[in-house]
Amino acid sequence: MATESSAAPASRPRSWLLILLAIAVGGYLVSRMFSGGEAAPAVSTTPAVRHPANAPQHSGQVDPADLDVRLEELKKPSPPPSEMARNPFRFQPKPPPPPPPVDSRPAVVAPPMPAEPTGPPPPPPIGNTIKFIGIVQTANGKIGAFSDCRATFPGREGEVIEGRYRVVKIGIESADLEYLDGKGRSTLPLNGSACVGK
């Protein structure tokens, strides 16, 4: 019994040591991952001097004969400013847009509009003012019955009714009427109920 109780405390410090060692190793690894590793070597920002291909390469020294410095170019006068030079500090009007391209096709001429009729307007159609409402057959021929829905006017072929219409022809189911001057001829259908309810 005494040997078992003495062995138990000896195993506990070992497990705690292992846990502490694992935490230390994990912390070290995390610090290495987030530290970015070693710093990169500094890069010089000064431009490198170009040497001719056949010149020997020196470690840090530049031969003055390798440098191509033309001091006489600095003594030449600068060219005079031109008229078309761009000056960002002065406002100038925009140049005009280029002219539109010239169309070589011939121009299409619209046909002339018909002249509007002059003079008084034509009379309204006869069928708008008078109706053909019936036929009476007599020994002397047919007599047509015409109405303006206020009065009824009888008329034979060739007669004038209502003082302004001439009966041209009376058929079985229609009658032809015209104005006294011979214009505006209309064919009126036979309609006995044209004025009913008006």
N, C-alpha and C. Protein backbone atom coordinates (compact mmCIF):
# COMPACT_ATOMS: atom_id res chain seq x y z
N MET A 1 0.83 -1.18 0.00
CA MET A 1 0.00 0.00 0.00
C MET A 1 0.87 1.23 0.00
N ALA A 2 1.98 1.20 0.77
CA ALA A 2 2.85 2.37 0.87
C ALA A 2 3.55 2.61 -0.44
N THR A 3 3.87 1.58 -1.18
CA THR A 3 4.55 1.75 -2.46
C THR A 3 3.61 2.35 -3.49
N GLU A 4 2.35 2.02 -3.47
CA GLU A 4 1.40 2.59 -4.44
C GLU A 4 1.20 4.07 -4.19
N SER A 5 1.08 4.49 -2.93
CA SER A 5 0.85 5.91 -2.62
C SER A 5 2.07 6.75 -2.93
N SER A 6 3.27 6.18 -2.81
CA SER A 6 4.49 6.95 -3.11
C SER A 6 4.70 7.05 -4.62
N ALA A 7 4.19 6.09 -5.43
CA ALA A 7 4.38 6.13 -6.89
C ALA A 7 3.43 7.13 -7.55
N ALA A 8 2.26 7.37 -6.98
CA ALA A 8 1.27 8.27 -7.57
C ALA A 8 1.76 9.71 -7.60
N PRO A 9 2.35 10.25 -6.48
CA PRO A 9 2.81 11.65 -6.55
C PRO A 9 3.97 11.79 -7.51
N ALA A 10 4.75 10.81 -7.75
CA ALA A 10 5.89 10.94 -8.67
C ALA A 10 5.42 11.07 -10.11
N SER A 11 4.23 10.48 -10.48
CA SER A 11 3.76 10.56 -11.87
C SER A 11 3.10 11.91 -12.16
N ARG A 12 2.56 12.60 -11.15
CA ARG A 12 1.86 13.87 -11.38
C ARG A 12 2.81 14.96 -11.86
N PRO A 13 3.96 15.16 -11.25
CA PRO A 13 4.82 16.24 -11.76
C PRO A 13 5.25 16.00 -13.19
N ARG A 14 5.38 14.75 -13.61
CA ARG A 14 5.78 14.51 -15.00
C ARG A 14 4.70 14.96 -15.98
N SER A 15 3.41 14.74 -15.74
CA SER A 15 2.33 15.16 -16.65
C SER A 15 2.26 16.68 -16.71
N TRP A 16 2.47 17.34 -15.59
CA TRP A 16 2.45 18.82 -15.59
C TRP A 16 3.65 19.36 -16.34
N LEU A 17 4.75 18.70 -16.24
CA LEU A 17 5.93 19.15 -16.99
C LEU A 17 5.70 19.00 -18.49
N LEU A 18 5.06 17.89 -18.88
CA LEU A 18 4.78 17.70 -20.30
C LEU A 18 3.81 18.77 -20.83
N ILE A 19 2.82 19.12 -20.04
CA ILE A 19 1.85 20.14 -20.47
C ILE A 19 2.54 21.49 -20.61
N LEU A 20 3.40 21.84 -19.65
CA LEU A 20 4.11 23.11 -19.72
C LEU A 20 5.06 23.15 -20.91
N LEU A 21 5.72 22.02 -21.17
CA LEU A 21 6.63 21.96 -22.30
C LEU A 21 5.86 22.11 -23.63
N ALA A 22 4.67 21.50 -23.74
CA ALA A 22 3.86 21.62 -24.96
C ALA A 22 3.39 23.05 -25.18
N ILE A 23 3.02 23.75 -24.10
CA ILE A 23 2.60 25.15 -24.21
C ILE A 23 3.75 26.02 -24.67
N ALA A 24 4.94 25.77 -24.14
CA ALA A 24 6.11 26.56 -24.52
C ALA A 24 6.46 26.36 -25.99
N VAL A 25 6.43 25.09 -26.45
CA VAL A 25 6.75 24.81 -27.84
C VAL A 25 5.69 25.44 -28.76
N GLY A 26 4.40 25.35 -28.37
CA GLY A 26 3.33 25.94 -29.19
C GLY A 26 3.47 27.45 -29.26
N GLY A 27 3.82 28.10 -28.14
CA GLY A 27 4.01 29.55 -28.15
C GLY A 27 5.17 29.95 -29.05
N TYR A 28 6.24 29.16 -29.02
CA TYR A 28 7.40 29.47 -29.87
C TYR A 28 7.03 29.36 -31.35
N LEU A 29 6.28 28.30 -31.69
CA LEU A 29 5.89 28.11 -33.08
C LEU A 29 4.96 29.24 -33.57
N VAL A 30 4.04 29.63 -32.70
CA VAL A 30 3.11 30.71 -33.07
C VAL A 30 3.86 32.01 -33.27
N SER A 31 4.83 32.29 -32.38
CA SER A 31 5.59 33.53 -32.51
C SER A 31 6.43 33.53 -33.78
N ARG A 32 6.94 32.36 -34.20
CA ARG A 32 7.73 32.27 -35.43
C ARG A 32 6.84 32.45 -36.67
N MET A 33 5.61 31.92 -36.60
CA MET A 33 4.71 32.03 -37.76
C MET A 33 4.28 33.47 -37.99
N PHE A 34 3.98 34.21 -36.93
CA PHE A 34 3.47 35.57 -37.06
C PHE A 34 4.55 36.63 -37.05
N SER A 35 5.79 36.28 -36.81
CA SER A 35 6.85 37.29 -36.79
C SER A 35 7.34 37.59 -38.20
N GLY A 36 7.05 36.75 -39.22
CA GLY A 36 7.46 37.00 -40.60
C GLY A 36 8.82 36.45 -40.92
N GLY A 37 9.45 35.77 -40.08
CA GLY A 37 10.76 35.18 -40.38
C GLY A 37 11.85 36.24 -40.35
N GLU A 38 12.93 35.97 -41.01
CA GLU A 38 14.05 36.89 -41.01
C GLU A 38 13.74 38.08 -41.90
N ALA A 39 14.31 39.21 -41.57
CA ALA A 39 14.11 40.42 -42.35
C ALA A 39 14.82 40.30 -43.68
N ALA A 40 14.17 40.80 -44.74
CA ALA A 40 14.78 40.75 -46.07
C ALA A 40 15.90 41.76 -46.15
N PRO A 41 16.92 41.50 -46.93
CA PRO A 41 18.02 42.46 -47.04
C PRO A 41 17.54 43.74 -47.70
N ALA A 42 18.09 44.86 -47.28
CA ALA A 42 17.70 46.17 -47.80
C ALA A 42 18.11 46.28 -49.26
N VAL A 43 17.25 46.91 -50.07
CA VAL A 43 17.51 47.09 -51.49
C VAL A 43 17.91 48.53 -51.71
N SER A 44 18.95 48.74 -52.41
CA SER A 44 19.43 50.09 -52.68
C SER A 44 18.55 50.74 -53.72
N THR A 45 18.21 52.03 -53.51
CA THR A 45 17.36 52.76 -54.45
C THR A 45 18.16 53.59 -55.43
N THR A 46 19.46 53.61 -55.33
CA THR A 46 20.27 54.37 -56.28
C THR A 46 20.38 53.58 -57.56
N PRO A 47 20.27 54.29 -58.72
CA PRO A 47 20.34 53.56 -60.00
C PRO A 47 21.72 53.02 -60.24
N ALA A 48 21.77 51.86 -60.84
CA ALA A 48 23.05 51.23 -61.14
C ALA A 48 23.66 51.87 -62.36
N VAL A 49 24.95 51.95 -62.37
CA VAL A 49 25.67 52.52 -63.50
C VAL A 49 25.86 51.44 -64.53
N ARG A 50 25.52 51.78 -65.78
CA ARG A 50 25.66 50.79 -66.84
C ARG A 50 27.08 50.85 -67.39
N HIS A 51 27.66 49.70 -67.51
CA HIS A 51 29.01 49.61 -68.05
C HIS A 51 28.95 49.03 -69.43
N PRO A 52 29.87 49.40 -70.26
CA PRO A 52 29.91 48.75 -71.58
C PRO A 52 30.13 47.25 -71.42
N ALA A 53 29.75 46.53 -72.43
CA ALA A 53 29.81 45.07 -72.35
C ALA A 53 31.25 44.57 -72.23
N ASN A 54 32.16 45.28 -72.85
CA ASN A 54 33.54 44.79 -72.80
C ASN A 54 34.33 45.35 -71.63
N ALA A 55 33.72 46.24 -70.82
CA ALA A 55 34.45 46.82 -69.67
C ALA A 55 34.44 45.83 -68.54
N PRO A 56 35.53 45.76 -67.77
CA PRO A 56 35.57 44.84 -66.63
C PRO A 56 34.68 45.34 -65.53
N GLN A 57 34.05 44.42 -64.84
CA GLN A 57 33.16 44.75 -63.73
C GLN A 57 33.99 44.96 -62.46
N HIS A 58 33.74 46.11 -61.82
CA HIS A 58 34.43 46.42 -60.57
C HIS A 58 33.46 46.22 -59.45
N SER A 59 33.95 45.91 -58.33
CA SER A 59 33.08 45.61 -57.19
C SER A 59 32.33 46.83 -56.72
N GLY A 60 32.91 47.99 -56.56
CA GLY A 60 32.19 49.16 -56.07
C GLY A 60 32.72 50.43 -56.68
N GLN A 61 33.66 50.38 -57.57
CA GLN A 61 34.28 51.57 -58.12
C GLN A 61 33.81 51.77 -59.56
N VAL A 62 33.70 53.05 -59.99
CA VAL A 62 33.27 53.39 -61.34
C VAL A 62 34.41 54.12 -62.02
N ASP A 63 34.75 53.68 -63.20
CA ASP A 63 35.81 54.32 -63.97
C ASP A 63 35.22 55.57 -64.63
N PRO A 64 35.84 56.75 -64.47
CA PRO A 64 35.29 57.97 -65.08
C PRO A 64 35.22 57.88 -66.60
N ALA A 65 36.06 57.07 -67.23
CA ALA A 65 36.00 56.94 -68.69
C ALA A 65 34.74 56.22 -69.14
N ASP A 66 34.13 55.42 -68.24
CA ASP A 66 32.91 54.71 -68.60
C ASP A 66 31.67 55.62 -68.61
N LEU A 67 31.74 56.74 -67.96
CA LEU A 67 30.59 57.64 -67.89
C LEU A 67 30.53 58.49 -69.15
N ASP A 68 29.37 58.59 -69.77
CA ASP A 68 29.19 59.37 -70.99
C ASP A 68 28.45 60.65 -70.63
N VAL A 69 29.19 61.68 -70.24
CA VAL A 69 28.61 62.96 -69.84
C VAL A 69 28.91 63.95 -70.95
N ARG A 70 27.85 64.55 -71.52
CA ARG A 70 28.02 65.53 -72.60
C ARG A 70 27.67 66.90 -72.06
N LEU A 71 28.66 67.62 -71.59
CA LEU A 71 28.45 68.94 -71.02
C LEU A 71 28.10 69.97 -72.08
N GLU A 72 28.51 69.76 -73.31
CA GLU A 72 28.22 70.74 -74.37
C GLU A 72 26.72 70.82 -74.66
N GLU A 73 25.98 69.74 -74.39
CA GLU A 73 24.53 69.75 -74.59
C GLU A 73 23.86 70.71 -73.64
N LEU A 74 24.45 70.91 -72.45
CA LEU A 74 23.85 71.81 -71.47
C LEU A 74 24.02 73.27 -71.86
N LYS A 75 25.01 73.59 -72.70
CA LYS A 75 25.27 74.97 -73.08
C LYS A 75 24.42 75.43 -74.26
N LYS A 76 23.75 74.52 -74.96
CA LYS A 76 22.92 74.90 -76.08
C LYS A 76 21.66 75.61 -75.58
N PRO A 77 21.20 76.64 -76.33
CA PRO A 77 19.97 77.33 -75.90
C PRO A 77 18.76 76.41 -76.11
N SER A 78 17.78 76.59 -75.25
CA SER A 78 16.57 75.78 -75.37
C SER A 78 15.75 76.27 -76.56
N PRO A 79 14.96 75.40 -77.19
CA PRO A 79 14.18 75.82 -78.36
C PRO A 79 13.09 76.80 -77.95
N PRO A 80 12.74 77.73 -78.84
CA PRO A 80 11.69 78.71 -78.49
C PRO A 80 10.34 78.00 -78.36
N PRO A 81 9.46 78.54 -77.53
CA PRO A 81 8.14 77.90 -77.38
C PRO A 81 7.34 78.03 -78.67
N SER A 82 6.65 76.98 -79.01
CA SER A 82 5.87 76.98 -80.24
C SER A 82 4.47 77.50 -79.96
N GLU A 83 3.74 77.81 -81.04
CA GLU A 83 2.38 78.35 -80.92
C GLU A 83 1.42 77.30 -80.38
N MET A 84 1.65 76.05 -80.74
CA MET A 84 0.71 74.98 -80.39
C MET A 84 1.07 74.29 -79.08
N ALA A 85 1.99 74.88 -78.31
CA ALA A 85 2.39 74.24 -77.07
C ALA A 85 1.22 74.23 -76.09
N ARG A 86 1.11 73.21 -75.33
CA ARG A 86 0.03 73.07 -74.36
C ARG A 86 0.45 73.72 -73.06
N ASN A 87 -0.38 74.61 -72.57
CA ASN A 87 -0.11 75.31 -71.32
C ASN A 87 -1.20 74.91 -70.33
N PRO A 88 -0.89 74.10 -69.34
CA PRO A 88 -1.95 73.67 -68.42
C PRO A 88 -2.42 74.76 -67.48
N PHE A 89 -1.72 75.91 -67.45
CA PHE A 89 -2.08 76.98 -66.53
C PHE A 89 -2.87 78.09 -67.21
N ARG A 90 -3.23 77.92 -68.45
CA ARG A 90 -4.00 78.94 -69.14
C ARG A 90 -5.21 78.29 -69.81
N PHE A 91 -6.38 78.89 -69.61
CA PHE A 91 -7.60 78.35 -70.17
C PHE A 91 -7.75 78.85 -71.59
N GLN A 92 -8.06 77.96 -72.48
CA GLN A 92 -8.27 78.31 -73.87
C GLN A 92 -9.60 77.73 -74.33
N PRO A 93 -10.25 78.38 -75.28
CA PRO A 93 -11.52 77.79 -75.77
C PRO A 93 -11.26 76.49 -76.50
N LYS A 94 -12.25 75.63 -76.44
CA LYS A 94 -12.13 74.34 -77.12
C LYS A 94 -12.08 74.56 -78.62
N PRO A 95 -11.32 73.75 -79.33
CA PRO A 95 -11.30 73.91 -80.79
C PRO A 95 -12.66 73.53 -81.37
N PRO A 96 -13.02 74.15 -82.49
CA PRO A 96 -14.34 73.82 -83.08
C PRO A 96 -14.37 72.37 -83.54
N PRO A 97 -15.55 71.76 -83.52
CA PRO A 97 -15.63 70.36 -83.95
C PRO A 97 -15.35 70.26 -85.44
N PRO A 98 -14.89 69.12 -85.89
CA PRO A 98 -14.61 68.96 -87.32
C PRO A 98 -15.90 69.05 -88.12
N PRO A 99 -15.82 69.51 -89.35
CA PRO A 99 -17.04 69.62 -90.16
C PRO A 99 -17.62 68.24 -90.43
N PRO A 100 -18.93 68.16 -90.58
CA PRO A 100 -19.55 66.85 -90.85
C PRO A 100 -19.12 66.35 -92.22
N PRO A 101 -19.11 65.05 -92.39
CA PRO A 101 -18.71 64.50 -93.69
C PRO A 101 -19.71 64.90 -94.77
N VAL A 102 -19.20 65.14 -95.94
CA VAL A 102 -20.04 65.55 -97.07
C VAL A 102 -20.68 64.31 -97.68
N ASP A 103 -22.01 64.36 -97.81
CA ASP A 103 -22.74 63.24 -98.39
C ASP A 103 -22.77 63.42 -99.90
N SER A 104 -22.25 62.43 -100.62
CA SER A 104 -22.19 62.53 -102.08
C SER A 104 -23.47 62.04 -102.75
N ARG A 105 -24.39 61.50 -101.98
CA ARG A 105 -25.64 61.04 -102.58
C ARG A 105 -26.52 62.23 -102.96
N PRO A 106 -27.29 62.13 -104.03
CA PRO A 106 -28.17 63.25 -104.39
C PRO A 106 -29.28 63.41 -103.37
N ALA A 107 -29.65 64.64 -103.17
CA ALA A 107 -30.71 64.93 -102.21
C ALA A 107 -32.04 64.42 -102.73
N VAL A 108 -32.83 63.85 -101.84
CA VAL A 108 -34.15 63.34 -102.20
C VAL A 108 -35.15 64.48 -102.07
N VAL A 109 -35.82 64.78 -103.16
CA VAL A 109 -36.79 65.86 -103.17
C VAL A 109 -38.17 65.26 -102.96
N ALA A 110 -38.87 65.77 -101.97
CA ALA A 110 -40.22 65.27 -101.70
C ALA A 110 -41.16 65.72 -102.81
N PRO A 111 -42.12 64.88 -103.18
CA PRO A 111 -43.06 65.29 -104.23
C PRO A 111 -43.89 66.47 -103.75
N PRO A 112 -44.26 67.35 -104.64
CA PRO A 112 -45.04 68.52 -104.22
C PRO A 112 -46.40 68.10 -103.67
N MET A 113 -46.80 68.83 -102.66
CA MET A 113 -48.10 68.54 -102.05
C MET A 113 -49.20 69.00 -103.01
N PRO A 114 -50.28 68.24 -103.08
CA PRO A 114 -51.37 68.68 -103.96
C PRO A 114 -51.97 69.97 -103.44
N ALA A 115 -52.34 70.81 -104.37
CA ALA A 115 -52.91 72.10 -103.99
C ALA A 115 -54.26 71.90 -103.32
N GLU A 116 -54.45 72.67 -102.29
CA GLU A 116 -55.72 72.57 -101.57
C GLU A 116 -56.82 73.18 -102.43
N PRO A 117 -57.98 72.54 -102.43
CA PRO A 117 -59.05 73.10 -103.27
C PRO A 117 -59.50 74.45 -102.73
N THR A 118 -59.72 75.34 -103.66
CA THR A 118 -60.19 76.66 -103.28
C THR A 118 -61.69 76.75 -103.56
N GLY A 119 -62.29 77.68 -102.94
CA GLY A 119 -63.71 77.87 -103.14
C GLY A 119 -64.51 77.32 -101.98
N PRO A 120 -65.81 77.30 -102.12
CA PRO A 120 -66.65 76.84 -101.02
C PRO A 120 -66.53 75.33 -100.83
N PRO A 121 -66.75 74.85 -99.61
CA PRO A 121 -66.68 73.41 -99.38
C PRO A 121 -67.82 72.70 -100.09
N PRO A 122 -67.60 71.43 -100.44
CA PRO A 122 -68.68 70.71 -101.13
C PRO A 122 -69.86 70.51 -100.20
N PRO A 123 -71.04 70.36 -100.77
CA PRO A 123 -72.22 70.17 -99.93
C PRO A 123 -72.18 68.83 -99.22
N PRO A 124 -72.87 68.72 -98.10
CA PRO A 124 -72.87 67.45 -97.38
C PRO A 124 -73.59 66.37 -98.18
N PRO A 125 -73.28 65.09 -97.91
CA PRO A 125 -73.98 64.02 -98.62
C PRO A 125 -75.49 64.11 -98.41
N ILE A 126 -76.23 63.79 -99.47
CA ILE A 126 -77.69 63.92 -99.41
C ILE A 126 -78.28 62.96 -98.39
N GLY A 127 -77.65 61.78 -98.25
CA GLY A 127 -78.20 60.79 -97.33
C GLY A 127 -78.15 61.20 -95.87
N ASN A 128 -77.42 62.28 -95.56
CA ASN A 128 -77.37 62.74 -94.16
C ASN A 128 -78.60 63.57 -93.80
N THR A 129 -79.28 64.13 -94.80
CA THR A 129 -80.40 65.04 -94.49
C THR A 129 -81.76 64.48 -94.88
N ILE A 130 -81.80 63.57 -95.82
CA ILE A 130 -83.09 63.06 -96.28
C ILE A 130 -83.01 61.55 -96.44
N LYS A 131 -84.13 60.85 -96.21
CA LYS A 131 -84.18 59.37 -96.27
C LYS A 131 -85.22 58.94 -97.31
N PHE A 132 -84.98 57.79 -97.94
CA PHE A 132 -85.91 57.18 -98.88
C PHE A 132 -86.72 56.17 -98.09
N ILE A 133 -88.04 56.47 -97.90
CA ILE A 133 -88.82 55.64 -96.97
C ILE A 133 -89.88 54.77 -97.63
N GLY A 134 -90.11 54.94 -98.94
CA GLY A 134 -91.12 54.08 -99.57
C GLY A 134 -91.34 54.39 -101.04
N ILE A 135 -92.11 53.47 -101.70
CA ILE A 135 -92.44 53.60 -103.12
C ILE A 135 -93.96 53.38 -103.28
N VAL A 136 -94.56 54.21 -104.14
CA VAL A 136 -95.97 54.02 -104.51
C VAL A 136 -96.02 53.81 -106.02
N GLN A 137 -96.59 52.66 -106.44
CA GLN A 137 -96.68 52.35 -107.87
C GLN A 137 -98.03 52.86 -108.39
N THR A 138 -97.97 53.73 -109.40
CA THR A 138 -99.19 54.28 -110.00
C THR A 138 -99.18 53.97 -111.49
N ALA A 139 -100.30 54.35 -112.19
CA ALA A 139 -100.38 54.12 -113.64
C ALA A 139 -99.40 55.01 -114.37
N ASN A 140 -99.04 56.12 -113.79
CA ASN A 140 -98.10 57.05 -114.42
C ASN A 140 -96.65 56.77 -114.02
N GLY A 141 -96.37 55.72 -113.28
CA GLY A 141 -95.01 55.37 -112.88
C GLY A 141 -94.85 55.34 -111.37
N LYS A 142 -93.61 55.25 -110.94
CA LYS A 142 -93.33 55.15 -109.51
C LYS A 142 -93.22 56.55 -108.90
N ILE A 143 -93.71 56.62 -107.66
CA ILE A 143 -93.55 57.84 -106.88
C ILE A 143 -92.78 57.46 -105.62
N GLY A 144 -91.67 58.13 -105.39
CA GLY A 144 -90.87 57.86 -104.19
C GLY A 144 -91.30 58.73 -103.04
N ALA A 145 -91.21 58.18 -101.85
CA ALA A 145 -91.53 58.94 -100.64
C ALA A 145 -90.22 59.21 -99.91
N PHE A 146 -89.93 60.48 -99.70
CA PHE A 146 -88.68 60.91 -99.04
C PHE A 146 -89.03 61.71 -97.80
N SER A 147 -88.20 61.64 -96.78
CA SER A 147 -88.52 62.32 -95.52
C SER A 147 -87.23 62.84 -94.89
N ASP A 148 -87.35 64.01 -94.24
CA ASP A 148 -86.25 64.53 -93.43
C ASP A 148 -86.54 64.33 -91.95
N CYS A 149 -87.46 63.40 -91.64
CA CYS A 149 -87.92 63.01 -90.30
C CYS A 149 -88.77 64.09 -89.65
N ARG A 150 -89.14 65.14 -90.41
CA ARG A 150 -90.11 66.13 -89.95
C ARG A 150 -91.31 66.20 -90.91
N ALA A 151 -90.99 66.04 -92.20
CA ALA A 151 -92.03 66.09 -93.22
C ALA A 151 -91.71 65.04 -94.29
N THR A 152 -92.73 64.66 -95.07
CA THR A 152 -92.57 63.68 -96.14
C THR A 152 -92.77 64.39 -97.47
N PHE A 153 -91.88 64.05 -98.46
CA PHE A 153 -91.91 64.70 -99.77
C PHE A 153 -92.05 63.62 -100.84
N PRO A 154 -93.14 63.66 -101.66
CA PRO A 154 -93.27 62.74 -102.78
C PRO A 154 -92.50 63.28 -103.99
N GLY A 155 -92.01 62.33 -104.83
CA GLY A 155 -91.30 62.78 -106.02
C GLY A 155 -91.14 61.68 -107.04
N ARG A 156 -91.35 62.07 -108.34
CA ARG A 156 -91.12 61.15 -109.43
C ARG A 156 -89.74 61.41 -110.00
N GLU A 157 -89.29 60.52 -110.91
CA GLU A 157 -87.99 60.71 -111.54
C GLU A 157 -88.00 62.02 -112.33
N GLY A 158 -86.97 62.86 -112.12
CA GLY A 158 -86.84 64.15 -112.81
C GLY A 158 -87.44 65.29 -112.01
N GLU A 159 -88.21 65.05 -110.95
CA GLU A 159 -88.82 66.13 -110.17
C GLU A 159 -87.87 66.61 -109.08
N VAL A 160 -88.16 67.83 -108.60
CA VAL A 160 -87.37 68.44 -107.52
C VAL A 160 -88.17 68.31 -106.24
N ILE A 161 -87.50 67.85 -105.18
CA ILE A 161 -88.16 67.74 -103.88
C ILE A 161 -87.45 68.64 -102.89
N GLU A 162 -88.19 69.18 -101.98
CA GLU A 162 -87.71 70.04 -100.89
C GLU A 162 -86.98 71.27 -101.43
N GLY A 163 -87.11 71.53 -102.71
CA GLY A 163 -86.53 72.72 -103.30
C GLY A 163 -85.03 72.65 -103.54
N ARG A 164 -84.40 71.52 -103.27
CA ARG A 164 -82.94 71.46 -103.47
C ARG A 164 -82.43 70.13 -104.00
N TYR A 165 -83.29 69.10 -104.09
CA TYR A 165 -82.83 67.79 -104.59
C TYR A 165 -83.63 67.41 -105.82
N ARG A 166 -82.94 66.76 -106.75
CA ARG A 166 -83.61 66.24 -107.94
C ARG A 166 -83.56 64.72 -107.86
N VAL A 167 -84.73 64.09 -108.13
CA VAL A 167 -84.82 62.65 -108.14
C VAL A 167 -84.33 62.19 -109.51
N VAL A 168 -83.23 61.43 -109.53
CA VAL A 168 -82.64 60.97 -110.79
C VAL A 168 -83.26 59.64 -111.20
N LYS A 169 -83.36 58.70 -110.26
CA LYS A 169 -83.88 57.38 -110.61
C LYS A 169 -84.49 56.79 -109.36
N ILE A 170 -85.58 56.06 -109.53
CA ILE A 170 -86.21 55.34 -108.43
C ILE A 170 -86.16 53.86 -108.80
N GLY A 171 -85.47 53.07 -108.01
CA GLY A 171 -85.37 51.64 -108.24
C GLY A 171 -86.29 50.88 -107.31
N ILE A 172 -86.11 49.55 -107.24
CA ILE A 172 -86.95 48.72 -106.38
C ILE A 172 -86.56 48.90 -104.92
N GLU A 173 -85.24 48.99 -104.63
CA GLU A 173 -84.79 49.08 -103.24
C GLU A 173 -83.94 50.31 -102.97
N SER A 174 -83.81 51.23 -103.92
CA SER A 174 -83.02 52.44 -103.70
C SER A 174 -83.48 53.54 -104.64
N ALA A 175 -83.02 54.75 -104.36
CA ALA A 175 -83.32 55.90 -105.21
C ALA A 175 -82.06 56.75 -105.30
N ASP A 176 -81.83 57.31 -106.51
CA ASP A 176 -80.68 58.18 -106.72
C ASP A 176 -81.15 59.63 -106.72
N LEU A 177 -80.51 60.45 -105.91
CA LEU A 177 -80.81 61.88 -105.83
C LEU A 177 -79.53 62.67 -106.05
N GLU A 178 -79.67 63.93 -106.52
CA GLU A 178 -78.54 64.82 -106.69
C GLU A 178 -78.98 66.24 -106.38
N TYR A 179 -77.99 67.13 -106.17
CA TYR A 179 -78.31 68.54 -105.97
C TYR A 179 -78.75 69.14 -107.29
N LEU A 180 -79.36 70.31 -107.26
CA LEU A 180 -79.90 70.92 -108.46
C LEU A 180 -78.81 71.26 -109.47
N ASP A 181 -77.58 71.49 -109.01
CA ASP A 181 -76.49 71.79 -109.95
C ASP A 181 -75.85 70.54 -110.52
N GLY A 182 -76.36 69.37 -110.19
CA GLY A 182 -75.85 68.11 -110.73
C GLY A 182 -74.72 67.50 -109.93
N LYS A 183 -74.35 68.09 -108.80
CA LYS A 183 -73.24 67.57 -107.99
C LYS A 183 -73.79 66.79 -106.80
N GLY A 184 -72.91 66.00 -106.21
CA GLY A 184 -73.24 65.30 -104.97
C GLY A 184 -74.27 64.21 -105.13
N ARG A 185 -74.24 63.46 -106.22
CA ARG A 185 -75.23 62.41 -106.41
C ARG A 185 -75.04 61.33 -105.35
N SER A 186 -76.16 60.87 -104.77
CA SER A 186 -76.14 59.83 -103.73
C SER A 186 -77.22 58.82 -104.01
N THR A 187 -76.92 57.58 -103.61
CA THR A 187 -77.91 56.50 -103.71
C THR A 187 -78.44 56.24 -102.32
N LEU A 188 -79.76 56.44 -102.15
CA LEU A 188 -80.38 56.26 -100.83
C LEU A 188 -81.06 54.90 -100.80
N PRO A 189 -80.71 54.04 -99.82
CA PRO A 189 -81.39 52.74 -99.74
C PRO A 189 -82.81 52.92 -99.18
N LEU A 190 -83.68 51.99 -99.59
CA LEU A 190 -85.07 52.02 -99.10
C LEU A 190 -85.07 51.59 -97.65
N ASN A 191 -85.55 52.47 -96.78
CA ASN A 191 -85.56 52.19 -95.34
C ASN A 191 -86.81 52.86 -94.76
N GLY A 192 -87.87 52.04 -94.65
CA GLY A 192 -89.13 52.59 -94.18
C GLY A 192 -89.12 53.01 -92.73
N SER A 193 -88.18 52.49 -91.93
CA SER A 193 -88.14 52.82 -90.49
C SER A 193 -87.00 53.79 -90.17
N ALA A 194 -86.53 54.57 -91.16
CA ALA A 194 -85.39 55.46 -90.92
C ALA A 194 -85.71 56.54 -89.93
N CYS A 195 -86.95 57.02 -89.92
CA CYS A 195 -87.29 58.14 -89.04
C CYS A 195 -88.09 57.70 -87.84
N VAL A 196 -88.25 56.40 -87.61
CA VAL A 196 -89.02 55.95 -86.47
C VAL A 196 -88.21 56.20 -85.20
N GLY A 197 -88.88 56.83 -84.24
CA GLY A 197 -88.22 57.10 -82.96
C GLY A 197 -87.42 58.38 -82.95
N LYS A 198 -87.40 59.14 -84.06
CA LYS A 198 -86.64 60.40 -84.10
C LYS A 198 -87.55 61.56 -83.82
